[in-house]
Amino acid sequence: MIPLIVLALVFVLIIVRRIGKFRLQIWQIMAAGAIAVLATLQISPLNALKSINLDVIFFLFGMFIVGEALVDSGYLSYLSYKLFRAPNRWTVWCCLFCSVSASWLLS
């Protein structure tokens, strides 16, 4: 039951990101959640370390680098302007296809 409470609290804090005058970063909230679960012995430190998947970490690191490069170059702004300034039939069908494909893959 404690992990579910910690998870719910982490989600709420990520949504709010502010407690009184204190503004919290996402990494601070997640680290506090991890420490809370470790401190209450809901998972052992060894099992926590074993559950770290470096392939996922490196993949996300690479994706964030590519994403930031696209933002800094202005290409994402250009692409969103081109696609959504006056949506045509192709844009609508493409977005619909991507949405349906993603929901099908995740189910």
Protein backbone atom coordinates (compact mmCIF):
# COMPACT_ATOMS: atom_id res chain seq x y z
CA MET A 1 0.00 0.00 0.00
CA ILE A 2 2.89 2.40 0.75
CA PRO A 3 4.29 2.27 -2.82
CA LEU A 4 0.88 3.23 -4.23
CA ILE A 5 0.63 6.17 -1.85
CA VAL A 6 4.15 7.29 -2.76
CA LEU A 7 3.36 6.92 -6.48
CA ALA A 8 0.14 8.95 -6.14
CA LEU A 9 1.98 11.62 -4.16
CA VAL A 10 4.75 11.79 -6.77
CA PHE A 11 2.17 12.20 -9.57
CA VAL A 12 0.34 14.95 -7.67
CA LEU A 13 3.58 16.80 -6.92
CA ILE A 14 4.69 16.54 -10.54
CA ILE A 15 1.39 18.05 -11.62
CA VAL A 16 1.47 20.83 -9.00
CA ARG A 17 5.28 21.35 -8.79
CA ARG A 18 4.89 23.85 -6.01
CA ILE A 19 4.47 23.60 -2.25
CA GLY A 20 3.89 27.03 -0.76
CA LYS A 21 6.84 29.17 -1.81
CA PHE A 22 8.95 26.19 -2.87
CA ARG A 23 9.09 25.30 -6.54
CA LEU A 24 10.09 21.67 -7.08
CA GLN A 25 11.87 20.19 -10.07
CA ILE A 26 10.68 16.88 -11.45
CA TRP A 27 13.96 15.16 -10.57
CA GLN A 28 13.63 16.31 -6.95
CA ILE A 29 10.13 14.88 -6.69
CA MET A 30 11.15 11.57 -8.23
CA ALA A 31 14.25 11.31 -6.05
CA ALA A 32 12.15 11.97 -2.95
CA GLY A 33 9.75 9.23 -4.02
CA ALA A 34 12.61 6.79 -4.54
CA ILE A 35 14.10 7.67 -1.15
CA ALA A 36 10.69 7.25 0.51
CA VAL A 37 10.24 3.77 -0.95
CA LEU A 38 13.80 2.81 0.04
CA ALA A 39 13.44 4.29 3.54
CA THR A 40 10.23 2.34 4.20
CA LEU A 41 11.96 -0.86 2.99
CA GLN A 42 9.41 -1.46 0.25
CA ILE A 43 12.34 -2.37 -2.00
CA SER A 44 15.86 -3.24 -1.01
CA PRO A 45 18.72 -1.08 -2.28
CA LEU A 46 20.18 -4.10 -4.09
CA ASN A 47 16.90 -4.81 -5.91
CA ALA A 48 16.61 -1.11 -6.74
CA LEU A 49 20.05 -1.14 -8.33
CA LYS A 50 19.30 -4.38 -10.18
CA SER A 51 16.15 -2.90 -11.66
CA ILE A 52 18.02 -0.07 -13.41
CA ASN A 53 18.06 -0.75 -17.15
CA LEU A 54 20.99 1.08 -18.71
CA ASP A 55 19.71 0.46 -22.25
CA VAL A 56 16.60 2.50 -21.45
CA ILE A 57 18.63 5.23 -19.75
CA PHE A 58 20.98 5.58 -22.73
CA PHE A 59 18.05 5.52 -25.19
CA LEU A 60 16.23 8.29 -23.31
CA PHE A 61 19.46 10.29 -23.00
CA GLY A 62 19.94 10.10 -26.75
CA MET A 63 16.32 11.01 -27.46
CA PHE A 64 16.53 14.04 -25.18
CA ILE A 65 19.71 15.19 -26.94
CA VAL A 66 18.06 14.86 -30.35
CA GLY A 67 14.91 16.60 -29.10
CA GLU A 68 16.82 19.52 -27.63
CA ALA A 69 18.87 19.84 -30.81
CA LEU A 70 15.65 20.05 -32.83
CA VAL A 71 14.24 22.68 -30.47
CA ASP A 72 17.46 24.75 -30.48
CA SER A 73 17.71 24.64 -34.26
CA GLY A 74 14.14 25.87 -34.63
CA TYR A 75 13.16 22.89 -36.78
CA LEU A 76 10.31 21.82 -34.46
CA SER A 77 8.79 25.30 -34.61
CA TYR A 78 9.11 25.31 -38.39
CA LEU A 79 7.60 21.83 -38.68
CA SER A 80 4.67 22.60 -36.39
CA TYR A 81 4.00 25.82 -38.30
CA LYS A 82 4.01 23.96 -41.62
CA LEU A 83 1.80 21.15 -40.37
CA PHE A 84 -0.76 23.05 -38.30
CA ARG A 85 -1.06 26.56 -39.72
CA ALA A 86 -3.92 25.44 -41.95
CA PRO A 87 -4.46 21.73 -41.41
CA ASN A 88 -5.30 19.96 -44.61
CA ARG A 89 -6.74 16.49 -45.11
CA TRP A 90 -3.26 14.88 -45.14
CA THR A 91 -2.37 16.37 -41.74
CA VAL A 92 -5.61 15.20 -40.16
CA TRP A 93 -5.24 11.66 -41.54
CA CYS A 94 -1.60 11.49 -40.49
CA CYS A 95 -2.42 12.55 -36.91
CA LEU A 96 -5.33 10.12 -36.78
CA PHE A 97 -3.18 7.27 -38.09
CA CYS A 98 -0.41 8.00 -35.58
CA SER A 99 -2.90 8.15 -32.70
CA VAL A 100 -4.59 4.89 -33.64
CA SER A 101 -1.26 3.16 -34.27
CA ALA A 102 0.12 4.27 -30.92
CA SER A 103 -2.97 3.13 -29.03
CA TRP A 104 -2.92 -0.20 -30.85
CA LEU A 105 0.78 -0.74 -30.09
CA LEU A 106 0.29 0.13 -26.41
CA SER A 107 -2.68 -2.16 -25.91
